Amino acid sequence: MLEEASVKRGIGVQYGPETPNKISDAGSRGLPRMIVSHAHKFIFLKTKKTAGTSIELALTELCGPEDVITPLTEIDEAKRAGGRCAQNWRLHGWWGSKRPLFKRRWFKFTAADYGFYNHMPAAEARELIDDTVWRSYFKFAFDRNPWDRQVSFYHHRYRNEKAPPSFASFMHEDARARIDNYDIYSIDGDVAVDFVGRYESLADDLKLALSHVGLSLEAELPRAKTTFRRNTTPYRDYYDDDTRAIVARWYSREIELLDYEF
């Protein structure tokens, strides 16, 4: 288990024994579905409903020709026009995939069947790279207050529905209602990254993460996927005692990790 380090300025949580001056040159192999900069030796694990696409668009501007940039949606990919687009993400053909046949797409393309894919967990990522690379690169991810995040996911889930189910029905009846962010940045239950930033302090935490590798962003984060939640109802108003307790149970690990409250 990685040793917990300090919390800086109350934003984000740092883990692991590595410090920036210990990051070494470990070669140029690619990493799965996330921004992986071999030029600057960092790994960004993309979680769900945490402005991950906006972060990814911004980090693309820092990437070099050997870095891994995975495909976005057609709409978001267009926002990278003029800069670096998806590169170095394909590892093999469809038949070379390690995914079970029942999980593969037979009649529709998905990057998951060819190599690096969306929201790939740290455990799967680590299996595909040299251990020295994994240990030496600065790894970071972001998470969000789970009660707020769940409401955001509800709106995203039913973004194309004219008459979506109630939030309570979504929580109780939708088999895909649960988000697995903690599993993306952990391995065997232990946090596997050096820094977990908070969505609520996104700009400051991203600045802090990039400072570990001597980088900074020249412009504000681009906006992506901001149209799904059209109303401004506070997230707390969606909940009753039962659904509030469900979120507390489902996401107890990240609530404890980042000290979130309802």
Protein backbone atom coordinates (compact mmCIF):
# COMPACT_ATOMS: atom_id res chain seq x y z
CA MET A 1 0.00 0.00 0.00
CA LEU A 2 1.27 3.43 -0.89
CA GLU A 3 2.13 5.65 2.01
CA GLU A 4 0.00 8.75 2.43
CA ALA A 5 1.87 12.01 2.17
CA SER A 6 0.72 15.55 2.77
CA VAL A 7 -2.32 17.58 1.82
CA LYS A 8 -1.17 20.90 0.31
CA ARG A 9 -3.24 24.01 0.94
CA GLY A 10 -6.28 21.83 1.58
CA ILE A 11 -6.68 20.96 -2.11
CA GLY A 12 -6.12 17.50 -3.41
CA VAL A 13 -4.47 14.57 -1.69
CA GLN A 14 -0.92 13.36 -2.34
CA TYR A 15 0.22 9.75 -2.13
CA GLY A 16 3.32 7.70 -2.64
CA PRO A 17 7.00 8.02 -1.80
CA GLU A 18 7.99 9.59 -5.15
CA THR A 19 8.87 13.28 -5.36
CA PRO A 20 9.37 15.28 -8.56
CA ASN A 21 13.16 15.22 -8.40
CA LYS A 22 13.12 11.41 -8.34
CA ILE A 23 11.29 11.08 -11.67
CA SER A 24 13.67 9.45 -14.13
CA ASP A 25 13.77 8.75 -17.87
CA ALA A 26 12.20 5.32 -18.28
CA GLY A 27 11.74 4.91 -22.01
CA SER A 28 8.86 5.61 -24.35
CA ARG A 29 6.25 2.85 -24.15
CA GLY A 30 2.63 3.91 -24.29
CA LEU A 31 0.04 3.74 -21.54
CA PRO A 32 -3.67 2.99 -21.82
CA ARG A 33 -6.51 5.49 -22.19
CA MET A 34 -5.38 8.61 -20.51
CA ILE A 35 -2.93 11.33 -21.34
CA VAL A 36 0.56 9.88 -20.99
CA SER A 37 3.39 12.30 -21.56
CA HIS A 38 6.77 10.68 -22.03
CA ALA A 39 8.16 14.12 -22.80
CA HIS A 40 7.19 15.36 -19.33
CA LYS A 41 6.81 12.00 -17.53
CA PHE A 42 3.28 12.24 -16.21
CA ILE A 43 0.22 10.01 -16.41
CA PHE A 44 -3.31 11.37 -16.24
CA LEU A 45 -5.97 8.81 -15.35
CA LYS A 46 -9.32 10.05 -16.60
CA THR A 47 -12.24 9.53 -14.22
CA LYS A 48 -15.95 10.07 -14.88
CA LYS A 49 -17.94 13.31 -14.45
CA THR A 50 -14.90 15.25 -13.21
CA ALA A 51 -14.23 17.55 -16.21
CA GLY A 52 -11.89 14.85 -17.50
CA THR A 53 -12.40 15.75 -21.15
CA SER A 54 -11.63 19.42 -20.47
CA ILE A 55 -8.44 18.41 -18.67
CA GLU A 56 -7.55 16.05 -21.51
CA LEU A 57 -8.00 18.79 -24.11
CA ALA A 58 -5.74 21.11 -22.12
CA LEU A 59 -3.04 18.49 -21.53
CA THR A 60 -2.98 17.66 -25.24
CA GLU A 61 -1.36 21.05 -25.82
CA LEU A 62 1.59 19.95 -23.67
CA CYS A 63 2.16 16.62 -25.37
CA GLY A 64 5.00 15.62 -27.71
CA PRO A 65 5.07 13.30 -30.74
CA GLU A 66 5.82 10.16 -28.68
CA ASP A 67 3.07 10.76 -26.13
CA VAL A 68 -0.15 8.78 -25.96
CA ILE A 69 -3.32 10.71 -26.76
CA THR A 70 -6.47 8.63 -26.98
CA PRO A 71 -9.52 9.37 -29.15
CA LEU A 72 -12.31 11.64 -27.93
CA THR A 73 -15.81 11.93 -29.30
CA GLU A 74 -16.10 13.50 -32.74
CA ILE A 75 -17.40 16.76 -31.25
CA ASP A 76 -14.63 17.04 -28.67
CA GLU A 77 -11.96 15.87 -31.11
CA ALA A 78 -12.84 18.86 -33.29
CA LYS A 79 -11.78 21.13 -30.42
CA ARG A 80 -8.23 19.82 -30.85
CA ALA A 81 -8.18 20.94 -34.50
CA GLY A 82 -4.90 22.66 -35.27
CA GLY A 83 -3.12 20.90 -32.40
CA ARG A 84 -2.26 17.31 -31.60
CA CYS A 85 -5.04 14.79 -32.11
CA ALA A 86 -5.30 11.15 -31.06
CA GLN A 87 -1.97 9.36 -31.50
CA ASN A 88 -0.04 6.27 -30.39
CA TRP A 89 -3.09 4.63 -28.83
CA ARG A 90 -3.61 1.57 -31.06
CA LEU A 91 -1.70 -1.52 -29.93
CA HIS A 92 -3.16 -4.40 -31.95
CA GLY A 93 -5.99 -5.59 -34.15
CA TRP A 94 -9.43 -6.75 -32.98
CA TRP A 95 -8.34 -10.38 -32.64
CA GLY A 96 -5.35 -9.36 -30.55
CA SER A 97 -7.53 -7.89 -27.81
CA LYS A 98 -7.28 -9.48 -24.35
CA ARG A 99 -10.91 -8.58 -23.62
CA PRO A 100 -13.31 -11.55 -23.42
CA LEU A 101 -15.25 -12.08 -26.64
CA PHE A 102 -18.57 -11.33 -24.95
CA LYS A 103 -17.28 -7.86 -23.99
CA ARG A 104 -16.02 -6.93 -27.46
CA ARG A 105 -17.98 -4.90 -29.99
CA TRP A 106 -18.72 -7.01 -33.05
CA PHE A 107 -20.40 -4.45 -35.30
CA LYS A 108 -19.31 -1.13 -33.81
CA PHE A 109 -15.83 0.32 -33.35
CA THR A 110 -14.52 0.95 -29.85
CA ALA A 111 -10.94 1.77 -28.91
CA ALA A 112 -11.17 -0.74 -26.07
CA ASP A 113 -10.80 -3.59 -28.57
CA TYR A 114 -7.62 -2.15 -30.08
CA GLY A 115 -5.56 -0.92 -27.13
CA PHE A 116 -5.95 2.19 -25.04
CA TYR A 117 -9.54 2.93 -24.08
CA ASN A 118 -11.76 5.35 -22.20
CA HIS A 119 -11.55 5.35 -18.39
CA MET A 120 -9.22 2.36 -18.28
CA PRO A 121 -8.47 1.36 -14.66
CA ALA A 122 -4.99 1.70 -13.24
CA ALA A 123 -4.75 -2.06 -12.73
CA GLU A 124 -5.18 -2.73 -16.44
CA ALA A 125 -2.88 0.13 -17.39
CA ARG A 126 -0.08 -1.14 -15.20
CA GLU A 127 -0.22 -4.58 -16.83
CA LEU A 128 0.69 -3.10 -20.21
CA ILE A 129 3.75 -1.09 -19.26
CA ASP A 130 7.15 -1.57 -17.76
CA ASP A 131 7.07 -1.41 -13.99
CA THR A 132 9.84 1.20 -13.93
CA VAL A 133 7.76 3.50 -16.13
CA TRP A 134 4.73 3.11 -13.90
CA ARG A 135 6.69 3.81 -10.74
CA SER A 136 8.73 6.73 -12.05
CA TYR A 137 6.08 8.81 -13.85
CA PHE A 138 4.00 11.25 -11.83
CA LYS A 139 0.43 9.89 -11.79
CA PHE A 140 -2.65 11.94 -11.03
CA ALA A 141 -6.44 11.85 -11.27
CA PHE A 142 -9.45 13.88 -10.15
CA ASP A 143 -12.62 13.08 -8.27
CA ARG A 144 -15.76 14.93 -7.21
CA ASN A 145 -18.21 15.07 -4.34
CA PRO A 146 -20.09 11.81 -4.98
CA TRP A 147 -23.54 13.27 -4.23
CA ASP A 148 -22.99 16.04 -6.77
CA ARG A 149 -21.28 13.67 -9.21
CA GLN A 150 -24.21 11.26 -9.12
CA VAL A 151 -26.66 14.00 -10.11
CA SER A 152 -24.35 15.01 -12.96
CA PHE A 153 -24.23 11.40 -14.12
CA TYR A 154 -28.02 11.16 -13.94
CA HIS A 155 -28.37 14.05 -16.37
CA HIS A 156 -25.70 12.59 -18.64
CA ARG A 157 -27.29 9.15 -18.57
CA TYR A 158 -30.64 10.45 -19.78
CA ARG A 159 -29.39 13.35 -21.90
CA ASN A 160 -31.35 12.14 -24.93
CA GLU A 161 -34.56 11.26 -23.10
CA LYS A 162 -37.51 13.64 -23.33
CA ALA A 163 -39.12 12.07 -20.25
CA PRO A 164 -36.33 10.64 -18.07
CA PRO A 165 -37.14 8.61 -14.97
CA SER A 166 -37.02 10.27 -11.59
CA PHE A 167 -33.70 10.47 -9.81
CA ALA A 168 -34.94 8.00 -7.21
CA SER A 169 -35.90 5.51 -9.93
CA PHE A 170 -32.49 5.95 -11.52
CA MET A 171 -30.80 5.17 -8.22
CA HIS A 172 -32.94 2.15 -7.40
CA GLU A 173 -33.57 0.59 -10.80
CA ASP A 174 -30.81 1.49 -13.26
CA ALA A 175 -28.20 -1.26 -13.21
CA ARG A 176 -25.61 1.18 -14.59
CA ALA A 177 -26.18 3.94 -12.03
CA ARG A 178 -23.01 3.29 -10.07
CA ILE A 179 -19.76 5.03 -11.12
CA ASP A 180 -16.41 3.30 -10.58
CA ASN A 181 -14.04 6.27 -10.23
CA TYR A 182 -12.18 4.91 -7.22
CA ASP A 183 -11.38 1.74 -9.15
CA ILE A 184 -9.86 3.84 -11.94
CA TYR A 185 -7.17 5.35 -9.71
CA SER A 186 -6.64 2.44 -7.31
CA ILE A 187 -5.23 -1.09 -7.50
CA ASP A 188 -6.49 -3.81 -5.16
CA GLY A 189 -8.25 -1.16 -3.09
CA ASP A 190 -5.16 1.02 -2.55
CA VAL A 191 -4.71 4.42 -4.21
CA ALA A 192 -2.27 3.92 -7.10
CA VAL A 193 -1.59 7.54 -8.05
CA ASP A 194 0.58 10.24 -6.52
CA PHE A 195 -2.11 12.91 -6.40
CA VAL A 196 -5.93 12.96 -6.39
CA GLY A 197 -7.30 16.41 -7.12
CA ARG A 198 -10.76 17.71 -6.35
CA TYR A 199 -13.19 18.81 -9.05
CA GLU A 200 -14.32 21.56 -6.68
CA SER A 201 -10.85 23.15 -6.83
CA LEU A 202 -10.04 22.00 -10.35
CA ALA A 203 -7.90 24.90 -11.57
CA ASP A 204 -5.77 25.07 -8.40
CA ASP A 205 -5.35 21.31 -8.14
CA LEU A 206 -4.42 20.91 -11.82
CA LYS A 207 -1.88 23.71 -11.41
CA LEU A 208 -0.43 21.91 -8.39
CA ALA A 209 -0.28 18.56 -10.21
CA LEU A 210 1.49 20.04 -13.22
CA SER A 211 3.94 21.89 -11.01
CA HIS A 212 5.34 18.51 -9.97
CA VAL A 213 6.66 18.05 -13.51
CA GLY A 214 7.61 21.67 -14.08
CA LEU A 215 4.62 22.57 -16.27
CA SER A 216 1.84 25.15 -16.33
CA LEU A 217 -1.14 25.89 -18.55
CA GLU A 218 -1.05 29.07 -20.60
CA ALA A 219 -4.83 29.37 -20.97
CA GLU A 220 -8.00 28.50 -19.06
CA LEU A 221 -9.42 25.00 -19.30
CA PRO A 222 -11.61 24.49 -22.38
CA ARG A 223 -15.26 23.69 -21.77
CA ALA A 224 -16.54 20.27 -22.82
CA LYS A 225 -19.75 18.32 -22.14
CA THR A 226 -21.32 21.16 -20.15
CA THR A 227 -24.79 21.06 -21.73
CA PHE A 228 -26.18 17.86 -20.22
CA ARG A 229 -27.28 19.41 -16.91
CA ARG A 230 -29.48 22.28 -18.01
CA ASN A 231 -31.10 23.21 -14.73
CA THR A 232 -29.43 24.82 -11.74
CA THR A 233 -31.24 22.89 -9.01
CA PRO A 234 -28.80 22.25 -6.12
CA TYR A 235 -27.74 18.63 -6.04
CA ARG A 236 -28.99 18.19 -2.46
CA ASP A 237 -32.55 18.80 -3.65
CA TYR A 238 -32.48 15.58 -5.68
CA TYR A 239 -32.07 13.40 -2.62
CA ASP A 240 -34.21 11.78 0.01
CA ASP A 241 -32.78 9.94 3.01
CA ASP A 242 -32.69 6.65 1.12
CA THR A 243 -30.86 7.85 -1.99
CA ARG A 244 -28.48 9.91 0.12
CA ALA A 245 -27.59 6.73 2.04
CA ILE A 246 -27.10 4.76 -1.19
CA VAL A 247 -24.45 7.23 -2.37
CA ALA A 248 -22.75 7.14 1.03
CA ARG A 249 -22.59 3.34 0.82
CA TRP A 250 -21.53 3.05 -2.83
CA TYR A 251 -18.78 5.64 -2.62
CA SER A 252 -17.55 5.32 0.96
CA ARG A 253 -13.92 5.00 -0.16
CA GLU A 254 -13.67 8.30 -2.04
CA ILE A 255 -15.79 10.05 0.59
CA GLU A 256 -13.28 9.01 3.23
CA LEU A 257 -10.28 9.68 1.00
CA LEU A 258 -11.22 13.26 0.14
CA ASP A 259 -13.29 14.03 3.24
CA TYR A 260 -16.49 14.76 1.32
CA GLU A 261 -19.79 15.58 3.02
CA PHE A 262 -23.35 15.76 1.77
